[in-house]
Protein backbone atom coordinates (compact mmCIF):
# COMPACT_ATOMS: atom_id res chain seq x y z
CA MET A 1 5.66 -77.16 -27.68
CA LEU A 2 7.86 -77.33 -30.74
CA LEU A 3 8.06 -74.06 -32.62
CA ARG A 4 8.96 -74.90 -36.21
CA GLY A 5 10.89 -72.45 -38.40
CA ALA A 6 11.37 -69.65 -35.87
CA ARG A 7 14.31 -67.27 -35.94
CA VAL A 8 16.48 -67.60 -32.84
CA ILE A 9 18.54 -64.58 -31.80
CA ASP A 10 20.75 -65.05 -28.75
CA PRO A 11 23.33 -62.26 -28.43
CA ALA A 12 25.19 -64.08 -25.66
CA SER A 13 26.27 -66.82 -28.06
CA GLY A 14 26.07 -64.89 -31.33
CA THR A 15 23.27 -67.18 -32.50
CA ASP A 16 21.03 -65.90 -35.32
CA VAL A 17 19.51 -68.90 -37.08
CA VAL A 18 16.19 -70.15 -38.37
CA GLY A 19 15.24 -73.51 -36.98
CA ASP A 20 13.11 -75.38 -34.47
CA VAL A 21 12.74 -74.32 -30.84
CA TYR A 22 11.67 -76.82 -28.23
CA ILE A 23 9.79 -75.21 -25.35
CA GLU A 24 8.64 -77.51 -22.59
CA ALA A 25 8.56 -77.25 -18.80
CA GLY A 26 11.43 -74.82 -18.51
CA VAL A 27 13.53 -76.31 -21.31
CA PHE A 28 14.35 -73.96 -24.19
CA GLN A 29 16.46 -75.51 -26.87
CA ALA A 30 17.40 -74.18 -30.29
CA GLU A 31 19.38 -77.18 -31.42
CA PRO A 32 18.73 -80.81 -32.53
CA LEU A 33 16.17 -82.57 -30.35
CA THR A 34 17.09 -85.37 -27.99
CA ASP A 35 15.69 -88.85 -28.55
CA ASP A 36 13.20 -88.29 -25.74
CA GLN A 37 12.03 -85.00 -27.22
CA ASN A 38 11.65 -86.58 -30.66
CA ALA A 39 9.61 -89.34 -29.08
CA ARG A 40 7.32 -86.79 -27.42
CA VAL A 41 6.77 -85.12 -30.79
CA ASP A 42 6.16 -88.43 -32.61
CA GLN A 43 3.70 -89.59 -29.97
CA GLY A 44 1.77 -86.34 -30.06
CA ARG A 45 2.69 -85.45 -26.48
CA THR A 46 4.29 -82.20 -27.67
CA LYS A 47 2.29 -79.70 -29.70
CA VAL A 48 4.01 -78.69 -32.95
CA VAL A 49 3.19 -75.20 -34.26
CA ASN A 50 4.28 -72.97 -37.11
CA GLY A 51 6.84 -70.43 -35.91
CA THR A 52 7.56 -68.91 -39.30
CA GLY A 53 8.07 -65.16 -38.94
CA LEU A 54 8.49 -65.33 -35.17
CA VAL A 55 11.67 -64.52 -33.26
CA VAL A 56 12.82 -66.18 -30.05
CA SER A 57 15.33 -64.35 -27.84
CA PRO A 58 16.35 -64.07 -24.21
CA GLY A 59 13.91 -62.06 -22.12
CA PHE A 60 14.45 -58.31 -21.92
CA VAL A 61 16.03 -56.65 -18.87
CA ASP A 62 14.84 -53.19 -17.79
CA LEU A 63 17.41 -51.28 -15.75
CA HIS A 64 15.03 -48.47 -14.89
CA CYS A 65 11.34 -48.64 -14.04
CA HIS A 66 9.05 -47.29 -11.36
CA LEU A 67 6.76 -49.80 -9.65
CA ARG A 68 5.57 -47.16 -7.13
CA GLU A 69 5.23 -49.61 -4.23
CA PRO A 70 5.34 -48.82 -1.33
CA GLY A 71 3.26 -45.72 -0.87
CA GLN A 72 1.96 -44.89 -4.35
CA GLU A 73 -0.15 -47.93 -5.10
CA HIS A 74 -2.81 -45.78 -6.75
CA LYS A 75 -0.28 -45.24 -9.58
CA GLU A 76 1.13 -48.76 -9.83
CA THR A 77 1.82 -51.86 -7.77
CA ILE A 78 4.43 -54.55 -8.12
CA ALA A 79 1.64 -56.83 -9.34
CA THR A 80 0.38 -54.49 -12.09
CA GLY A 81 3.85 -53.25 -12.97
CA THR A 82 5.26 -56.72 -13.47
CA GLU A 83 2.24 -57.74 -15.53
CA ALA A 84 2.90 -54.71 -17.73
CA ALA A 85 6.57 -55.69 -17.91
CA ALA A 86 5.67 -59.21 -19.06
CA ARG A 87 3.46 -57.77 -21.80
CA GLY A 88 6.46 -55.70 -22.90
CA GLY A 89 8.74 -58.75 -23.07
CA PHE A 90 10.69 -57.93 -19.91
CA THR A 91 11.58 -60.86 -17.68
CA THR A 92 13.67 -58.83 -15.22
CA VAL A 93 13.04 -55.27 -14.03
CA CYS A 94 14.98 -53.00 -11.70
CA ALA A 95 12.69 -51.04 -9.40
CA MET A 96 13.70 -47.43 -8.75
CA PRO A 97 13.65 -46.26 -5.12
CA ASN A 98 11.69 -42.99 -5.35
CA THR A 99 8.74 -44.54 -3.57
CA ASN A 100 7.03 -43.25 -0.44
CA PRO A 101 8.98 -43.83 1.74
CA PRO A 102 12.10 -44.09 -0.43
CA ILE A 103 13.99 -47.40 -0.49
CA ASP A 104 16.76 -46.20 1.81
CA SER A 105 16.78 -48.96 4.44
CA PRO A 106 17.33 -52.73 4.40
CA GLY A 107 13.78 -53.31 5.58
CA LEU A 108 12.35 -51.55 2.55
CA VAL A 109 14.61 -53.48 0.16
CA GLU A 110 13.36 -56.66 1.80
CA PHE A 111 9.77 -55.41 1.49
CA VAL A 112 10.13 -54.97 -2.28
CA LEU A 113 11.66 -58.44 -2.65
CA LYS A 114 8.90 -59.98 -0.52
CA ARG A 115 6.12 -58.25 -2.45
CA ALA A 116 7.73 -59.26 -5.73
CA LYS A 117 7.81 -62.88 -4.62
CA GLU A 118 4.18 -62.73 -3.48
CA THR A 119 2.62 -60.76 -6.35
CA GLY A 120 5.14 -60.30 -9.16
CA ILE A 121 5.28 -62.39 -12.30
CA VAL A 122 8.74 -61.31 -13.51
CA ARG A 123 11.98 -60.91 -11.57
CA VAL A 124 12.24 -57.67 -9.60
CA LEU A 125 15.65 -56.32 -8.55
CA PRO A 126 15.44 -53.40 -6.10
CA ILE A 127 17.63 -50.33 -6.41
CA GLY A 128 18.40 -48.50 -3.16
CA THR A 129 18.81 -44.78 -2.69
CA ILE A 130 22.17 -43.03 -2.78
CA THR A 131 21.27 -40.66 0.05
CA ALA A 132 19.06 -40.95 3.10
CA GLY A 133 15.51 -40.00 2.16
CA ARG A 134 16.72 -39.03 -1.33
CA GLN A 135 17.57 -35.66 0.22
CA GLY A 136 20.99 -35.42 -1.43
CA GLU A 137 22.80 -34.73 1.83
CA ARG A 138 23.93 -37.81 3.77
CA VAL A 139 24.93 -41.01 1.99
CA ALA A 140 22.61 -43.87 2.91
CA ASP A 141 24.00 -47.06 4.43
CA LEU A 142 24.89 -48.57 1.09
CA GLU A 143 26.51 -51.64 2.63
CA GLU A 144 23.31 -52.59 4.43
CA LEU A 145 21.21 -51.89 1.34
CA ALA A 146 23.46 -54.16 -0.70
CA SER A 147 23.34 -56.89 1.93
CA ALA A 148 19.54 -56.76 1.84
CA GLY A 149 19.53 -57.23 -1.93
CA ALA A 150 19.90 -53.82 -3.61
CA VAL A 151 21.65 -54.19 -6.97
CA ALA A 152 22.56 -50.51 -7.50
CA PHE A 153 22.00 -47.09 -5.93
CA SER A 154 20.15 -44.06 -7.30
CA ASP A 155 18.24 -41.00 -6.15
CA ASP A 156 16.42 -41.06 -9.48
CA GLY A 157 14.02 -38.20 -9.92
CA SER A 158 16.52 -36.07 -8.01
CA PRO A 159 20.21 -35.63 -8.83
CA VAL A 160 22.90 -35.83 -6.19
CA ALA A 161 23.98 -32.24 -6.62
CA ASN A 162 26.59 -32.05 -3.86
CA PRO A 163 29.93 -33.20 -5.33
CA GLN A 164 31.40 -34.34 -2.01
CA THR A 165 28.31 -36.46 -1.29
CA MET A 166 28.58 -37.98 -4.73
CA ARG A 167 32.28 -38.69 -4.30
CA ASN A 168 31.65 -40.41 -0.97
CA ALA A 169 28.87 -42.54 -2.47
CA LEU A 170 31.05 -43.58 -5.40
CA MET A 171 33.85 -44.64 -3.06
CA ILE A 172 31.53 -46.84 -1.01
CA ALA A 173 29.84 -48.30 -4.10
CA ARG A 174 33.26 -49.11 -5.59
CA ASN A 175 34.05 -51.31 -2.60
CA LEU A 176 30.69 -53.05 -3.05
CA ASN A 177 31.30 -53.49 -6.80
CA LEU A 178 27.89 -51.98 -7.53
CA PRO A 179 27.02 -49.02 -9.78
CA ILE A 180 25.85 -45.56 -8.82
CA ILE A 181 23.05 -44.48 -11.15
CA GLN A 182 22.90 -40.71 -11.49
CA HIS A 183 19.94 -38.62 -12.62
CA CYS A 184 21.87 -36.01 -14.58
CA GLU A 185 20.02 -32.70 -14.40
CA ASP A 186 21.90 -29.90 -12.69
CA PRO A 187 19.24 -28.08 -10.62
CA ALA A 188 21.17 -24.82 -10.79
CA ILE A 189 20.85 -24.82 -14.59
CA LEU A 190 17.51 -26.61 -14.84
CA GLY A 191 15.56 -24.23 -12.65
CA ASP A 192 11.84 -24.65 -13.29
CA ALA A 193 12.24 -25.86 -16.89
CA VAL A 194 9.59 -28.26 -18.20
CA ALA A 195 10.58 -28.73 -21.87
CA HIS A 196 13.65 -28.81 -24.10
CA GLU A 197 15.15 -25.37 -24.68
CA GLY A 198 14.65 -24.54 -28.33
CA TRP A 199 12.28 -22.99 -30.82
CA VAL A 200 9.40 -25.25 -29.79
CA SER A 201 9.52 -24.26 -26.13
CA GLN A 202 9.81 -20.60 -27.16
CA ARG A 203 6.79 -20.87 -29.42
CA LEU A 204 4.73 -22.56 -26.70
CA GLY A 205 5.89 -20.23 -23.94
CA LEU A 206 7.39 -23.06 -21.87
CA THR A 207 10.53 -22.72 -19.78
CA GLY A 208 13.25 -24.69 -21.54
CA ALA A 209 16.05 -26.91 -20.25
CA PRO A 210 19.26 -26.78 -22.29
CA GLY A 211 21.31 -29.89 -22.90
CA ALA A 212 23.93 -28.29 -20.66
CA ALA A 213 21.77 -29.07 -17.62
CA GLU A 214 22.45 -32.75 -18.29
CA GLU A 215 25.96 -32.42 -19.68
CA SER A 216 27.42 -30.42 -16.80
CA LEU A 217 26.46 -32.97 -14.16
CA ALA A 218 27.50 -35.87 -16.38
CA ALA A 219 30.92 -34.28 -16.91
CA ARG A 220 31.40 -33.71 -13.18
CA ASP A 221 30.44 -37.24 -12.24
CA ILE A 222 32.53 -38.86 -14.95
CA GLU A 223 35.55 -37.14 -13.40
CA LEU A 224 34.50 -38.21 -9.90
CA ALA A 225 34.11 -41.78 -11.12
CA ALA A 226 37.62 -41.67 -12.54
CA LEU A 227 38.93 -40.25 -9.26
CA THR A 228 37.29 -42.97 -7.17
CA ARG A 229 37.67 -45.79 -9.76
CA ALA A 230 33.97 -46.49 -9.30
CA HIS A 231 31.26 -47.57 -11.72
CA LEU A 232 29.06 -44.66 -12.78
CA HIS A 233 25.90 -45.36 -14.76
CA LEU A 234 24.18 -42.40 -16.40
CA ALA A 235 20.41 -42.66 -16.43
CA HIS A 236 18.11 -41.57 -19.28
CA VAL A 237 20.73 -39.88 -21.48
CA SER A 238 19.05 -37.44 -23.83
CA SER A 239 21.55 -34.80 -25.02
CA ALA A 240 24.01 -35.16 -27.89
CA GLY A 241 26.61 -33.38 -25.79
CA THR A 242 26.42 -36.11 -23.15
CA ILE A 243 27.18 -38.72 -25.82
CA ASP A 244 30.50 -37.00 -26.53
CA LEU A 245 31.37 -37.08 -22.83
CA ILE A 246 30.55 -40.79 -22.52
CA LYS A 247 32.57 -41.68 -25.60
CA ARG A 248 35.64 -39.84 -24.34
CA ALA A 249 35.31 -41.47 -20.93
CA LYS A 250 35.09 -44.94 -22.44
CA ASP A 251 38.02 -44.24 -24.74
CA ARG A 252 40.04 -43.44 -21.62
CA GLY A 253 39.06 -46.71 -19.98
CA ARG A 254 36.78 -45.22 -17.35
CA LYS A 255 34.02 -47.37 -15.88
CA VAL A 256 31.08 -45.42 -17.26
CA THR A 257 27.92 -46.95 -18.68
CA ALA A 258 24.74 -45.35 -19.94
CA GLU A 259 21.13 -46.02 -20.87
CA VAL A 260 18.65 -44.36 -23.20
CA MET A 261 14.87 -44.45 -23.15
CA PRO A 262 12.54 -45.32 -26.04
CA HIS A 263 10.99 -41.84 -25.94
CA HIS A 264 14.43 -40.22 -26.30
CA LEU A 265 15.11 -42.47 -29.30
CA ALA A 266 11.81 -41.90 -31.07
CA LEU A 267 10.03 -38.71 -30.00
CA THR A 268 11.12 -35.11 -30.48
CA ASP A 269 10.10 -31.82 -28.91
CA GLU A 270 8.01 -31.13 -32.02
CA TRP A 271 5.48 -33.60 -30.61
CA LEU A 272 4.60 -30.83 -28.12
CA LEU A 273 3.08 -29.02 -31.09
CA GLY A 274 0.97 -32.07 -31.93
CA ASP A 275 3.30 -33.03 -34.81
CA ARG A 276 3.75 -36.80 -34.52
CA GLY A 277 5.04 -37.27 -38.06
CA SER A 278 3.32 -38.31 -41.26
CA ASP A 279 2.79 -41.94 -40.20
CA TRP A 280 0.66 -41.21 -37.16
CA PRO A 281 -2.40 -39.07 -36.41
CA THR A 282 -1.85 -35.53 -35.24
CA GLY A 283 -1.65 -35.15 -31.48
CA SER A 284 -2.60 -32.22 -29.29
CA GLU A 285 -0.49 -29.26 -28.30
CA TYR A 286 0.78 -29.25 -24.72
CA ASP A 287 0.08 -32.97 -24.31
CA THR A 288 1.05 -33.50 -20.68
CA ASN A 289 1.86 -37.14 -21.44
CA LEU A 290 5.02 -35.71 -23.05
CA ARG A 291 6.07 -34.03 -19.80
CA VAL A 292 9.11 -36.05 -18.79
CA ASN A 293 12.52 -35.51 -17.16
CA PRO A 294 14.81 -35.06 -18.97
CA PRO A 295 12.57 -33.64 -21.70
CA VAL A 296 12.08 -35.04 -25.17
CA ARG A 297 14.64 -33.14 -27.21
CA SER A 298 15.45 -31.93 -30.71
CA PRO A 299 15.57 -34.17 -33.80
CA GLU A 300 19.36 -33.78 -33.75
CA ASP A 301 19.54 -35.13 -30.20
CA VAL A 302 17.26 -38.03 -31.11
CA GLU A 303 19.47 -38.93 -34.05
CA ALA A 304 22.56 -38.78 -31.81
CA MET A 305 20.92 -41.19 -29.34
CA ALA A 306 20.20 -43.74 -32.06
CA ILE A 307 23.74 -43.60 -33.45
CA ALA A 308 25.21 -43.94 -29.95
CA LEU A 309 23.01 -46.96 -29.27
CA ARG A 310 24.05 -48.56 -32.54
CA ASP A 311 27.74 -47.90 -31.93
CA GLY A 312 27.74 -49.09 -28.32
CA VAL A 313 28.48 -45.71 -26.75
CA ILE A 314 25.16 -46.25 -24.99
CA ASP A 315 25.07 -49.70 -23.42
CA ALA A 316 21.38 -50.32 -22.92
CA VAL A 317 17.80 -49.40 -23.60
CA ALA A 318 15.80 -48.84 -20.41
CA THR A 319 12.17 -47.76 -20.22
CA ASP A 320 11.94 -45.30 -17.29
CA HIS A 321 8.40 -46.65 -17.03
CA ALA A 322 6.75 -43.97 -14.88
CA PRO A 323 3.03 -44.60 -14.38
CA HIS A 324 0.86 -41.81 -13.01
CA ALA A 325 -2.77 -41.41 -12.03
CA TRP A 326 -4.93 -39.47 -14.48
CA GLU A 327 -5.16 -36.45 -12.19
CA ASP A 328 -1.37 -36.08 -12.24
CA LYS A 329 -1.58 -35.28 -15.94
CA ALA A 330 -4.96 -33.50 -16.10
CA VAL A 331 -3.34 -30.13 -15.31
CA PRO A 332 -1.48 -27.41 -17.26
CA PHE A 333 1.71 -28.72 -18.88
CA GLY A 334 4.10 -27.10 -16.45
CA GLU A 335 2.27 -28.56 -13.46
CA ALA A 336 2.05 -32.13 -14.75
CA ALA A 337 3.96 -34.93 -13.04
CA PRO A 338 6.88 -35.97 -15.25
CA GLY A 339 6.88 -39.46 -16.69
CA ILE A 340 5.63 -41.80 -19.41
CA SER A 341 4.04 -45.21 -18.95
CA GLY A 342 6.23 -46.94 -21.51
CA ILE A 343 7.13 -50.51 -20.62
CA GLU A 344 4.35 -52.03 -22.76
CA THR A 345 5.13 -49.94 -25.84
CA ALA A 346 8.95 -50.01 -25.73
CA PHE A 347 9.59 -52.88 -28.12
CA GLY A 348 6.97 -51.83 -30.66
CA LEU A 349 8.11 -48.22 -30.65
CA LEU A 350 11.76 -49.13 -31.13
CA MET A 351 10.95 -51.62 -33.87
CA THR A 352 8.89 -48.99 -35.67
CA ARG A 353 11.30 -46.09 -35.32
CA LEU A 354 14.69 -47.83 -35.41
CA VAL A 355 14.58 -51.32 -36.91
CA HIS A 356 11.99 -50.94 -39.66
CA THR A 357 13.63 -47.68 -40.74
CA GLY A 358 17.06 -49.32 -40.98
CA VAL A 359 18.76 -47.32 -38.24
CA ILE A 360 19.74 -50.50 -36.38
CA ASP A 361 19.01 -54.16 -37.01
CA LEU A 362 16.94 -56.50 -34.86
CA PRO A 363 19.87 -58.43 -33.33
CA MET A 364 21.40 -55.15 -32.20
CA LEU A 365 18.14 -54.01 -30.61
CA ILE A 366 17.84 -57.32 -28.77
CA THR A 367 21.46 -57.00 -27.61
CA ARG A 368 20.78 -53.57 -26.14
CA MET A 369 17.67 -54.89 -24.36
CA THR A 370 19.27 -58.06 -22.96
CA ILE A 371 23.00 -58.50 -22.42
CA GLY A 372 23.54 -54.72 -22.60
CA PRO A 373 21.57 -53.98 -19.43
CA ALA A 374 22.69 -57.25 -17.84
CA SER A 375 26.33 -56.23 -18.27
CA VAL A 376 25.70 -53.04 -16.30
CA LEU A 377 24.74 -55.26 -13.37
CA ALA A 378 27.41 -57.87 -14.04
CA GLY A 379 27.64 -60.45 -11.29
CA VAL A 380 24.24 -59.71 -9.77
CA PRO A 381 22.36 -62.97 -9.13
CA GLY A 382 18.80 -63.31 -10.36
CA LEU A 383 19.19 -61.68 -13.75
CA GLY A 384 18.25 -64.86 -15.56
CA THR A 385 20.35 -66.92 -17.88
CA PHE A 386 22.62 -65.39 -20.52
CA SER A 387 24.73 -68.32 -21.63
CA GLU A 388 25.57 -70.18 -24.80
CA LYS A 389 22.01 -71.34 -25.29
CA LEU A 390 18.63 -70.00 -24.37
CA GLY A 391 17.86 -70.18 -20.68
CA PRO A 392 14.54 -70.23 -18.80
CA ASP A 393 13.72 -66.56 -19.52
CA VAL A 394 12.56 -66.21 -23.11
CA VAL A 395 10.51 -63.82 -25.19
CA ILE A 396 8.75 -64.69 -28.44
CA LEU A 397 8.37 -61.76 -30.82
CA ASP A 398 6.57 -60.95 -34.04
CA PRO A 399 8.67 -58.22 -35.68
CA ASN A 400 6.01 -57.39 -38.25
CA GLN A 401 2.76 -57.54 -36.30
CA GLU A 402 0.99 -54.18 -36.32
CA TRP A 403 -1.05 -52.95 -33.38
CA THR A 404 -2.52 -49.64 -32.31
CA VAL A 405 -1.75 -48.22 -28.88
CA ASP A 406 -4.81 -48.03 -26.63
CA PRO A 407 -3.88 -47.18 -23.03
CA ASP A 408 -7.21 -48.55 -21.80
CA GLU A 409 -5.82 -51.97 -22.67
CA PHE A 410 -2.61 -51.51 -20.67
CA ALA A 411 -1.94 -53.85 -17.76
CA SER A 412 -0.26 -50.91 -16.04
CA LYS A 413 -2.37 -48.60 -13.92
CA GLY A 414 -0.56 -45.77 -15.68
CA LYS A 415 -2.37 -44.80 -18.88
CA ASN A 416 -0.08 -41.80 -19.44
CA THR A 417 1.29 -42.45 -22.91
CA PRO A 418 1.76 -39.92 -25.73
CA LEU A 419 1.36 -42.79 -28.25
CA THR A 420 -2.42 -43.17 -28.05
CA GLY A 421 -3.74 -43.99 -31.53
CA CYS A 422 -0.30 -44.67 -33.00
CA THR A 423 0.13 -47.90 -34.94
CA LEU A 424 3.34 -49.74 -34.06
CA ARG A 425 4.98 -52.53 -36.04
CA GLY A 426 6.51 -55.14 -33.75
CA ALA A 427 4.78 -57.06 -30.96
CA VAL A 428 5.54 -59.33 -28.03
CA VAL A 429 3.73 -62.63 -28.58
CA ALA A 430 4.70 -64.38 -25.36
CA THR A 431 6.96 -63.96 -22.33
CA ILE A 432 8.29 -66.91 -20.35
CA VAL A 433 9.99 -66.58 -16.96
CA GLY A 434 11.68 -69.53 -15.31
CA GLY A 435 9.98 -71.87 -17.76
CA ARG A 436 6.49 -70.50 -17.05
CA VAL A 437 4.42 -68.56 -19.56
CA VAL A 438 3.56 -65.28 -17.83
CA HIS A 439 2.15 -63.53 -20.89
CA GLY A 440 0.75 -64.77 -24.19
CA GLU A 441 -0.52 -68.25 -23.37
CA LYS A 442 -3.59 -67.70 -25.54
CA ALA A 443 -1.44 -66.36 -28.38
CA LEU A 444 0.73 -69.47 -28.27
CA ASP A 445 -2.33 -71.72 -28.21
CA ALA A 446 -3.64 -69.92 -31.28
CA LEU A 447 -0.54 -70.58 -33.40
CA GLU A 448 -1.17 -72.78 -36.40
CA ARG A 449 -0.53 -76.44 -35.68
CA VAL A 450 1.62 -78.36 -38.11
CA GLY A 451 2.65 -81.97 -38.42
CA GLY A 452 5.50 -83.32 -36.29
């Protein structure tokens, strides 16, 4: 296929041009065609279609998603989760280890890789636990986990609260040249909080979590990372105070990276009142699909996240895709399982809330969804190609296509989204992994044909 007049954005090379993109059998080329390729076009052996208005970029990388396998296949499987990822434009996803049992042994890392090879349609990189059983007490055998294929370590869903345990883990991970990913919520401060601490939680009678619950643990672990000279990655940053800590750490040359989620860039605690803004229909109070850890926060925090993403204080967008069964959310707000099924809506939500409002531009968003997350896992094989021209993992985007979120149409088993009925502007047309179209083949076939 020859895509005529598409915009090519490749942050790895600084490319942002409008031109022709040749897509054939694993070859992706945004440059003058070879004689053989020209011959294929002239002889009608290559379909030529109108790519005007479309954007071609490297495939997205998700540092943080929950595929639920093994043990929670009623919520998601590697098969359904990777199909959802492909629909969201993600060609590589990192699977969090809070499964049942947790990914705390080499055999379980190998299981995830085997299942991904058998049933997955995008690349799956397993993350191992920091501690045995995710109990926060004894550091897992990180060397064996790494040898089996783990690309990072995290007890996500539970923080490593013991500072000595965290220090020991950082020291081991430093020697492996792999990051420790910390879930920053201090349990001593968090208590039984289920929402952001502020006027909204007070009005709704919900126990609130202050930003300090995140900031205190982030501050501690930044210092431990400096002490051990290890790589600390802060998961799902949500508080403006944490941004200040990260910036100071980076200014001092410390090896600290961070991610932010689409819901912490676009949704505020006022959504708990049903207020989804003037552009979207009113939601319901106490919508349990908004129950997430850390909680959606104040408008001021949301603004701070966007500025930090734009300025590079935050390195990457990650989804924290957390699918749940319907019964996990069909309970009072405080009893609901935390998490949002967000991998299929991430690009559209960020386009709508950040790019089309002028907060950041499209090349910056693509940077934070591609080489940003890839740089956190620098040196890990299997991430796909980020070189001076497009590699075999590519996503084709329509920045202006509008679509309305209907969870019944999700590929994910998790239908738990607070965006039901919201119209987003920005869609994934097709996703290609290793030269194979894994999502959007019909959409590509439907593109208008033009002369060679």
